[in-house]
Amino acid sequence: MSVKEILNPRKADDLDHFVAQRVRRQRDAVDMTQDQLAQALGISFQQLQKYERGVNRISASRLFQISCVLGVGPEYFYEGVDTSQFVQSPKSERSEPPQSSILSLIAQNPDATDLVIAFVEIKSPKQRQKAIDLIRLLAD
């Protein structure tokens, strides 16, 4: 697991993309434009585009709203999904949760530990942000 995956666990995955395709398919089936659906949901056209492309995840409450507007039950968006692809392995085979993975990465690198300790000692939020920006710049 990469550092980016650990730090951004909410990134859209295959199931999110599947749901996004189903949203678009149903919107097309009821002959509704993206703009019309976005307005009915009270969101921007751009946000709906991100949902339909699977760039942004759709929350459970938003998916429920979408199902109401499009005239289907929430289960519609999961019909045909291969559940074996999305069911997690038994606990003993599962990888570490993200926080444990981050701590593991820090523990494996003494420099990272020093960096975290020094960062926590920075009192100014502005200075902490500058430190983050500098480290991201150096990482690129």
N, C-alpha and C. Protein backbone atom coordinates (compact mmCIF):
# COMPACT_ATOMS: atom_id res chain seq x y z
N MET A 1 0.85 -1.18 0.00
CA MET A 1 0.00 0.00 0.00
C MET A 1 0.89 1.23 0.00
N SER A 2 0.62 2.18 -0.89
CA SER A 2 1.44 3.38 -0.98
C SER A 2 1.02 4.39 0.08
N VAL A 3 1.90 5.37 0.29
CA VAL A 3 1.61 6.42 1.26
C VAL A 3 0.36 7.19 0.84
N LYS A 4 0.22 7.45 -0.47
CA LYS A 4 -0.97 8.18 -0.95
C LYS A 4 -2.24 7.40 -0.66
N GLU A 5 -2.22 6.08 -0.83
CA GLU A 5 -3.40 5.26 -0.55
C GLU A 5 -3.71 5.29 0.94
N ILE A 6 -2.68 5.29 1.77
CA ILE A 6 -2.88 5.33 3.22
C ILE A 6 -3.48 6.66 3.63
N LEU A 7 -2.95 7.74 3.06
CA LEU A 7 -3.39 9.07 3.46
C LEU A 7 -4.70 9.49 2.83
N ASN A 8 -5.13 8.81 1.76
CA ASN A 8 -6.39 9.14 1.10
C ASN A 8 -7.26 7.90 0.98
N PRO A 9 -7.74 7.36 2.12
CA PRO A 9 -8.52 6.13 2.06
C PRO A 9 -9.91 6.32 1.44
N ARG A 10 -10.33 7.55 1.25
CA ARG A 10 -11.66 7.81 0.74
C ARG A 10 -11.69 7.91 -0.78
N LYS A 11 -10.57 7.66 -1.41
CA LYS A 11 -10.51 7.70 -2.87
C LYS A 11 -11.51 6.69 -3.45
N ALA A 12 -12.14 7.06 -4.53
CA ALA A 12 -13.13 6.19 -5.17
C ALA A 12 -12.47 4.88 -5.61
N ASP A 13 -13.17 3.78 -5.40
CA ASP A 13 -12.66 2.46 -5.78
C ASP A 13 -13.56 1.86 -6.87
N ASP A 14 -13.34 0.58 -7.17
CA ASP A 14 -14.10 -0.07 -8.25
C ASP A 14 -15.60 -0.07 -8.00
N LEU A 15 -16.00 -0.27 -6.76
CA LEU A 15 -17.44 -0.26 -6.45
C LEU A 15 -18.02 1.13 -6.66
N ASP A 16 -17.28 2.16 -6.29
CA ASP A 16 -17.73 3.54 -6.51
C ASP A 16 -17.91 3.80 -8.00
N HIS A 17 -17.00 3.29 -8.81
CA HIS A 17 -17.11 3.46 -10.27
C HIS A 17 -18.32 2.71 -10.81
N PHE A 18 -18.58 1.52 -10.27
CA PHE A 18 -19.74 0.74 -10.69
C PHE A 18 -21.03 1.52 -10.39
N VAL A 19 -21.14 2.05 -9.17
CA VAL A 19 -22.32 2.82 -8.77
C VAL A 19 -22.45 4.05 -9.66
N ALA A 20 -21.34 4.71 -9.94
CA ALA A 20 -21.36 5.91 -10.79
C ALA A 20 -21.92 5.59 -12.18
N GLN A 21 -21.52 4.47 -12.74
CA GLN A 21 -22.03 4.06 -14.06
C GLN A 21 -23.53 3.81 -14.00
N ARG A 22 -23.98 3.20 -12.90
CA ARG A 22 -25.42 2.93 -12.76
C ARG A 22 -26.21 4.23 -12.63
N VAL A 23 -25.65 5.22 -11.95
CA VAL A 23 -26.33 6.53 -11.84
C VAL A 23 -26.49 7.12 -13.23
N ARG A 24 -25.42 7.13 -14.00
CA ARG A 24 -25.50 7.71 -15.34
C ARG A 24 -26.49 6.94 -16.21
N ARG A 25 -26.44 5.61 -16.13
CA ARG A 25 -27.34 4.78 -16.94
C ARG A 25 -28.80 5.09 -16.62
N GLN A 26 -29.13 5.21 -15.33
CA GLN A 26 -30.52 5.48 -14.95
C GLN A 26 -30.93 6.90 -15.32
N ARG A 27 -30.01 7.83 -15.18
CA ARG A 27 -30.31 9.21 -15.58
C ARG A 27 -30.63 9.26 -17.07
N ASP A 28 -29.83 8.57 -17.87
CA ASP A 28 -30.09 8.50 -19.32
C ASP A 28 -31.42 7.81 -19.60
N ALA A 29 -31.72 6.76 -18.83
CA ALA A 29 -32.95 5.98 -19.06
C ALA A 29 -34.21 6.83 -18.81
N VAL A 30 -34.12 7.75 -17.87
CA VAL A 30 -35.29 8.61 -17.60
C VAL A 30 -35.21 9.92 -18.39
N ASP A 31 -34.25 9.97 -19.32
CA ASP A 31 -34.09 11.11 -20.22
C ASP A 31 -33.93 12.43 -19.45
N MET A 32 -33.00 12.42 -18.50
CA MET A 32 -32.72 13.60 -17.69
C MET A 32 -31.29 14.03 -17.97
N THR A 33 -31.07 15.34 -18.09
CA THR A 33 -29.72 15.84 -18.31
C THR A 33 -28.97 15.90 -16.98
N GLN A 34 -27.65 16.01 -17.08
CA GLN A 34 -26.85 16.15 -15.86
C GLN A 34 -27.26 17.43 -15.13
N ASP A 35 -27.51 18.47 -15.87
CA ASP A 35 -27.90 19.74 -15.26
C ASP A 35 -29.22 19.61 -14.49
N GLN A 36 -30.18 18.90 -15.08
CA GLN A 36 -31.48 18.72 -14.41
C GLN A 36 -31.32 17.92 -13.12
N LEU A 37 -30.55 16.84 -13.17
CA LEU A 37 -30.35 16.04 -11.97
C LEU A 37 -29.59 16.84 -10.91
N ALA A 38 -28.58 17.57 -11.32
CA ALA A 38 -27.81 18.38 -10.38
C ALA A 38 -28.71 19.40 -9.69
N GLN A 39 -29.56 20.06 -10.45
CA GLN A 39 -30.48 21.04 -9.87
C GLN A 39 -31.44 20.37 -8.89
N ALA A 40 -31.96 19.21 -9.25
CA ALA A 40 -32.89 18.49 -8.37
C ALA A 40 -32.22 18.08 -7.06
N LEU A 41 -30.91 17.85 -7.12
CA LEU A 41 -30.17 17.44 -5.92
C LEU A 41 -29.61 18.63 -5.15
N GLY A 42 -29.66 19.80 -5.76
CA GLY A 42 -29.11 21.00 -5.12
C GLY A 42 -27.59 21.02 -5.11
N ILE A 43 -27.00 20.44 -6.16
CA ILE A 43 -25.54 20.43 -6.28
C ILE A 43 -25.15 21.03 -7.62
N SER A 44 -23.88 21.28 -7.81
CA SER A 44 -23.42 21.85 -9.08
C SER A 44 -23.36 20.77 -10.16
N PHE A 45 -23.45 21.22 -11.38
CA PHE A 45 -23.31 20.35 -12.54
C PHE A 45 -21.95 19.64 -12.49
N GLN A 46 -20.91 20.39 -12.09
CA GLN A 46 -19.57 19.81 -12.02
C GLN A 46 -19.49 18.70 -10.98
N GLN A 47 -20.17 18.89 -9.85
CA GLN A 47 -20.16 17.85 -8.81
C GLN A 47 -20.83 16.58 -9.32
N LEU A 48 -21.94 16.73 -10.03
CA LEU A 48 -22.61 15.56 -10.59
C LEU A 48 -21.71 14.86 -11.60
N GLN A 49 -20.99 15.63 -12.41
CA GLN A 49 -20.05 15.03 -13.35
C GLN A 49 -19.01 14.19 -12.61
N LYS A 50 -18.50 14.72 -11.52
CA LYS A 50 -17.50 13.99 -10.73
C LYS A 50 -18.10 12.70 -10.17
N TYR A 51 -19.35 12.77 -9.72
CA TYR A 51 -20.02 11.56 -9.23
C TYR A 51 -20.13 10.52 -10.36
N GLU A 52 -20.59 10.96 -11.52
CA GLU A 52 -20.84 10.02 -12.62
C GLU A 52 -19.57 9.46 -13.23
N ARG A 53 -18.47 10.15 -13.09
CA ARG A 53 -17.20 9.63 -13.59
C ARG A 53 -16.49 8.81 -12.52
N GLY A 54 -17.03 8.82 -11.31
CA GLY A 54 -16.41 8.06 -10.24
C GLY A 54 -15.20 8.76 -9.64
N VAL A 55 -15.05 10.04 -9.92
CA VAL A 55 -13.94 10.81 -9.35
C VAL A 55 -14.21 11.04 -7.86
N ASN A 56 -15.44 11.41 -7.53
CA ASN A 56 -15.85 11.60 -6.14
C ASN A 56 -16.79 10.48 -5.73
N ARG A 57 -16.65 10.03 -4.51
CA ARG A 57 -17.53 9.00 -3.99
C ARG A 57 -18.90 9.61 -3.70
N ILE A 58 -19.93 8.80 -3.83
CA ILE A 58 -21.29 9.24 -3.53
C ILE A 58 -21.64 8.71 -2.15
N SER A 59 -21.99 9.62 -1.24
CA SER A 59 -22.35 9.20 0.11
C SER A 59 -23.68 8.44 0.09
N ALA A 60 -23.95 7.72 1.16
CA ALA A 60 -25.19 6.95 1.25
C ALA A 60 -26.42 7.87 1.17
N SER A 61 -26.35 9.00 1.86
CA SER A 61 -27.50 9.91 1.84
C SER A 61 -27.70 10.52 0.45
N ARG A 62 -26.60 10.86 -0.22
CA ARG A 62 -26.71 11.43 -1.56
C ARG A 62 -27.23 10.37 -2.54
N LEU A 63 -26.78 9.13 -2.39
CA LEU A 63 -27.25 8.05 -3.26
C LEU A 63 -28.75 7.83 -3.07
N PHE A 64 -29.20 7.96 -1.83
CA PHE A 64 -30.64 7.83 -1.56
C PHE A 64 -31.40 8.95 -2.26
N GLN A 65 -30.88 10.19 -2.19
CA GLN A 65 -31.52 11.31 -2.88
C GLN A 65 -31.57 11.06 -4.38
N ILE A 66 -30.47 10.59 -4.93
CA ILE A 66 -30.41 10.30 -6.37
C ILE A 66 -31.44 9.25 -6.74
N SER A 67 -31.56 8.21 -5.91
CA SER A 67 -32.53 7.15 -6.20
C SER A 67 -33.96 7.70 -6.20
N CYS A 68 -34.26 8.60 -5.29
CA CYS A 68 -35.60 9.20 -5.24
C CYS A 68 -35.87 10.03 -6.49
N VAL A 69 -34.91 10.85 -6.90
CA VAL A 69 -35.09 11.70 -8.07
C VAL A 69 -35.22 10.86 -9.34
N LEU A 70 -34.44 9.77 -9.43
CA LEU A 70 -34.45 8.95 -10.64
C LEU A 70 -35.52 7.86 -10.62
N GLY A 71 -36.26 7.76 -9.52
CA GLY A 71 -37.39 6.84 -9.46
C GLY A 71 -37.01 5.37 -9.32
N VAL A 72 -35.91 5.09 -8.67
CA VAL A 72 -35.50 3.70 -8.41
C VAL A 72 -35.15 3.57 -6.93
N GLY A 73 -35.11 2.34 -6.45
CA GLY A 73 -34.67 2.12 -5.09
C GLY A 73 -33.15 2.16 -5.02
N PRO A 74 -32.58 2.45 -3.87
CA PRO A 74 -31.12 2.50 -3.73
C PRO A 74 -30.43 1.21 -4.17
N GLU A 75 -31.13 0.09 -4.02
CA GLU A 75 -30.54 -1.21 -4.40
C GLU A 75 -30.26 -1.29 -5.89
N TYR A 76 -30.96 -0.48 -6.69
CA TYR A 76 -30.75 -0.48 -8.14
C TYR A 76 -29.27 -0.26 -8.48
N PHE A 77 -28.63 0.62 -7.73
CA PHE A 77 -27.26 1.01 -8.04
C PHE A 77 -26.25 -0.10 -7.77
N TYR A 78 -26.70 -1.15 -7.09
CA TYR A 78 -25.80 -2.28 -6.79
C TYR A 78 -26.17 -3.55 -7.54
N GLU A 79 -27.26 -3.49 -8.32
CA GLU A 79 -27.68 -4.68 -9.08
C GLU A 79 -26.60 -5.08 -10.08
N GLY A 80 -26.25 -6.35 -10.07
CA GLY A 80 -25.27 -6.86 -11.01
C GLY A 80 -23.83 -6.76 -10.54
N VAL A 81 -23.63 -6.22 -9.34
CA VAL A 81 -22.27 -6.12 -8.84
C VAL A 81 -21.77 -7.50 -8.40
N ASP A 82 -20.54 -7.79 -8.71
CA ASP A 82 -19.92 -9.05 -8.30
C ASP A 82 -19.46 -8.88 -6.86
N THR A 83 -20.26 -9.35 -5.91
CA THR A 83 -19.96 -9.12 -4.50
C THR A 83 -18.66 -9.76 -4.05
N SER A 84 -18.26 -10.85 -4.68
CA SER A 84 -17.02 -11.50 -4.27
C SER A 84 -15.82 -10.58 -4.48
N GLN A 85 -15.94 -9.65 -5.40
CA GLN A 85 -14.86 -8.72 -5.69
C GLN A 85 -14.71 -7.68 -4.58
N PHE A 86 -15.79 -7.42 -3.84
CA PHE A 86 -15.78 -6.34 -2.86
C PHE A 86 -15.85 -6.80 -1.42
N VAL A 87 -16.05 -8.08 -1.18
CA VAL A 87 -16.13 -8.59 0.18
C VAL A 87 -14.71 -8.72 0.71
N GLN A 88 -14.49 -8.22 1.93
CA GLN A 88 -13.15 -8.27 2.52
C GLN A 88 -12.80 -9.68 2.96
N SER A 89 -11.52 -9.94 3.00
CA SER A 89 -11.01 -11.22 3.47
C SER A 89 -11.28 -11.36 4.95
N PRO A 90 -11.17 -12.59 5.48
CA PRO A 90 -11.31 -12.75 6.92
C PRO A 90 -10.29 -11.87 7.65
N LYS A 91 -10.60 -11.52 8.88
CA LYS A 91 -9.79 -10.57 9.64
C LYS A 91 -8.31 -10.95 9.67
N SER A 92 -8.00 -12.22 9.80
CA SER A 92 -6.60 -12.64 9.89
C SER A 92 -5.83 -12.37 8.60
N GLU A 93 -6.50 -12.31 7.47
CA GLU A 93 -5.82 -12.10 6.20
C GLU A 93 -5.86 -10.64 5.76
N ARG A 94 -6.65 -9.83 6.43
CA ARG A 94 -6.83 -8.45 6.03
C ARG A 94 -5.57 -7.64 6.31
N SER A 95 -5.28 -6.66 5.47
CA SER A 95 -4.12 -5.82 5.71
C SER A 95 -4.40 -4.88 6.88
N GLU A 96 -3.34 -4.24 7.36
CA GLU A 96 -3.48 -3.34 8.50
C GLU A 96 -4.40 -2.19 8.15
N PRO A 97 -5.14 -1.68 9.14
CA PRO A 97 -5.94 -0.48 8.87
C PRO A 97 -5.01 0.69 8.57
N PRO A 98 -5.51 1.72 7.88
CA PRO A 98 -4.66 2.83 7.46
C PRO A 98 -3.81 3.45 8.57
N GLN A 99 -4.38 3.71 9.76
CA GLN A 99 -3.59 4.33 10.82
C GLN A 99 -2.42 3.46 11.22
N SER A 100 -2.63 2.17 11.34
CA SER A 100 -1.55 1.28 11.69
C SER A 100 -0.49 1.28 10.60
N SER A 101 -0.90 1.37 9.35
CA SER A 101 0.04 1.41 8.25
C SER A 101 0.91 2.66 8.31
N ILE A 102 0.31 3.79 8.62
CA ILE A 102 1.06 5.04 8.74
C ILE A 102 2.05 4.92 9.88
N LEU A 103 1.59 4.43 11.02
CA LEU A 103 2.49 4.27 12.16
C LEU A 103 3.61 3.29 11.84
N SER A 104 3.29 2.27 11.09
CA SER A 104 4.30 1.29 10.69
C SER A 104 5.35 1.94 9.79
N LEU A 105 4.91 2.77 8.84
CA LEU A 105 5.85 3.47 7.97
C LEU A 105 6.78 4.38 8.77
N ILE A 106 6.21 5.09 9.74
CA ILE A 106 7.00 5.99 10.57
C ILE A 106 8.00 5.19 11.41
N ALA A 107 7.53 4.09 11.99
CA ALA A 107 8.39 3.27 12.84
C ALA A 107 9.55 2.66 12.06
N GLN A 108 9.36 2.39 10.79
CA GLN A 108 10.40 1.78 9.97
C GLN A 108 11.48 2.77 9.56
N ASN A 109 11.22 4.06 9.74
CA ASN A 109 12.17 5.08 9.29
C ASN A 109 12.48 6.04 10.43
N PRO A 110 13.68 5.96 11.02
CA PRO A 110 14.02 6.83 12.14
C PRO A 110 13.92 8.31 11.78
N ASP A 111 14.23 8.67 10.53
CA ASP A 111 14.12 10.07 10.12
C ASP A 111 12.67 10.54 10.17
N ALA A 112 11.75 9.66 9.82
CA ALA A 112 10.33 10.01 9.86
C ALA A 112 9.90 10.29 11.30
N THR A 113 10.40 9.49 12.22
CA THR A 113 10.08 9.70 13.64
C THR A 113 10.57 11.07 14.09
N ASP A 114 11.82 11.41 13.72
CA ASP A 114 12.36 12.72 14.07
C ASP A 114 11.53 13.84 13.46
N LEU A 115 11.11 13.63 12.23
CA LEU A 115 10.30 14.63 11.53
C LEU A 115 8.96 14.85 12.24
N VAL A 116 8.32 13.77 12.63
CA VAL A 116 7.02 13.88 13.32
C VAL A 116 7.19 14.60 14.65
N ILE A 117 8.22 14.24 15.40
CA ILE A 117 8.47 14.88 16.70
C ILE A 117 8.72 16.37 16.51
N ALA A 118 9.54 16.73 15.55
CA ALA A 118 9.83 18.14 15.29
C ALA A 118 8.56 18.87 14.83
N PHE A 119 7.76 18.23 14.00
CA PHE A 119 6.54 18.85 13.49
C PHE A 119 5.56 19.15 14.62
N VAL A 120 5.41 18.21 15.53
CA VAL A 120 4.47 18.38 16.65
C VAL A 120 4.90 19.54 17.54
N GLU A 121 6.19 19.81 17.59
CA GLU A 121 6.69 20.89 18.44
C GLU A 121 6.49 22.28 17.82
N ILE A 122 6.13 22.34 16.54
CA ILE A 122 5.86 23.64 15.90
C ILE A 122 4.50 24.13 16.41
N LYS A 123 4.52 25.30 17.04
CA LYS A 123 3.30 25.82 17.65
C LYS A 123 2.41 26.58 16.66
N SER A 124 3.00 27.28 15.74
CA SER A 124 2.25 28.13 14.82
C SER A 124 1.62 27.29 13.70
N PRO A 125 0.29 27.40 13.52
CA PRO A 125 -0.36 26.69 12.41
C PRO A 125 0.21 27.11 11.05
N LYS A 126 0.56 28.39 10.91
CA LYS A 126 1.14 28.87 9.65
C LYS A 126 2.48 28.19 9.38
N GLN A 127 3.28 28.09 10.42
CA GLN A 127 4.60 27.46 10.27
C GLN A 127 4.46 25.96 9.98
N ARG A 128 3.48 25.32 10.63
CA ARG A 128 3.24 23.89 10.34
C ARG A 128 2.86 23.70 8.87
N GLN A 129 1.99 24.59 8.38
CA GLN A 129 1.58 24.48 6.98
C GLN A 129 2.76 24.70 6.05
N LYS A 130 3.64 25.67 6.38
CA LYS A 130 4.83 25.90 5.56
C LYS A 130 5.73 24.66 5.56
N ALA A 131 5.84 23.99 6.71
CA ALA A 131 6.65 22.77 6.79
C ALA A 131 6.05 21.68 5.91
N ILE A 132 4.76 21.54 5.94
CA ILE A 132 4.07 20.54 5.09
C ILE A 132 4.32 20.87 3.62
N ASP A 133 4.15 22.13 3.25
CA ASP A 133 4.36 22.54 1.86
C ASP A 133 5.79 22.25 1.42
N LEU A 134 6.76 22.55 2.28
CA LEU A 134 8.17 22.32 1.95
C LEU A 134 8.44 20.83 1.75
N ILE A 135 7.91 20.01 2.63
CA ILE A 135 8.14 18.56 2.54
C ILE A 135 7.49 18.00 1.28
N ARG A 136 6.30 18.45 0.97
CA ARG A 136 5.64 18.00 -0.27
C ARG A 136 6.44 18.43 -1.49
N LEU A 137 7.00 19.65 -1.46
CA LEU A 137 7.81 20.12 -2.56
C LEU A 137 9.05 19.25 -2.72
N LEU A 138 9.69 18.92 -1.61
CA LEU A 138 10.89 18.08 -1.65
C LEU A 138 10.56 16.65 -2.08
N ALA A 139 9.37 16.18 -1.76
CA ALA A 139 8.97 14.82 -2.12
C ALA A 139 8.75 14.67 -3.62
N ASP A 140 8.36 15.77 -4.27
CA ASP A 140 8.16 15.72 -5.73
C ASP A 140 9.49 15.74 -6.39
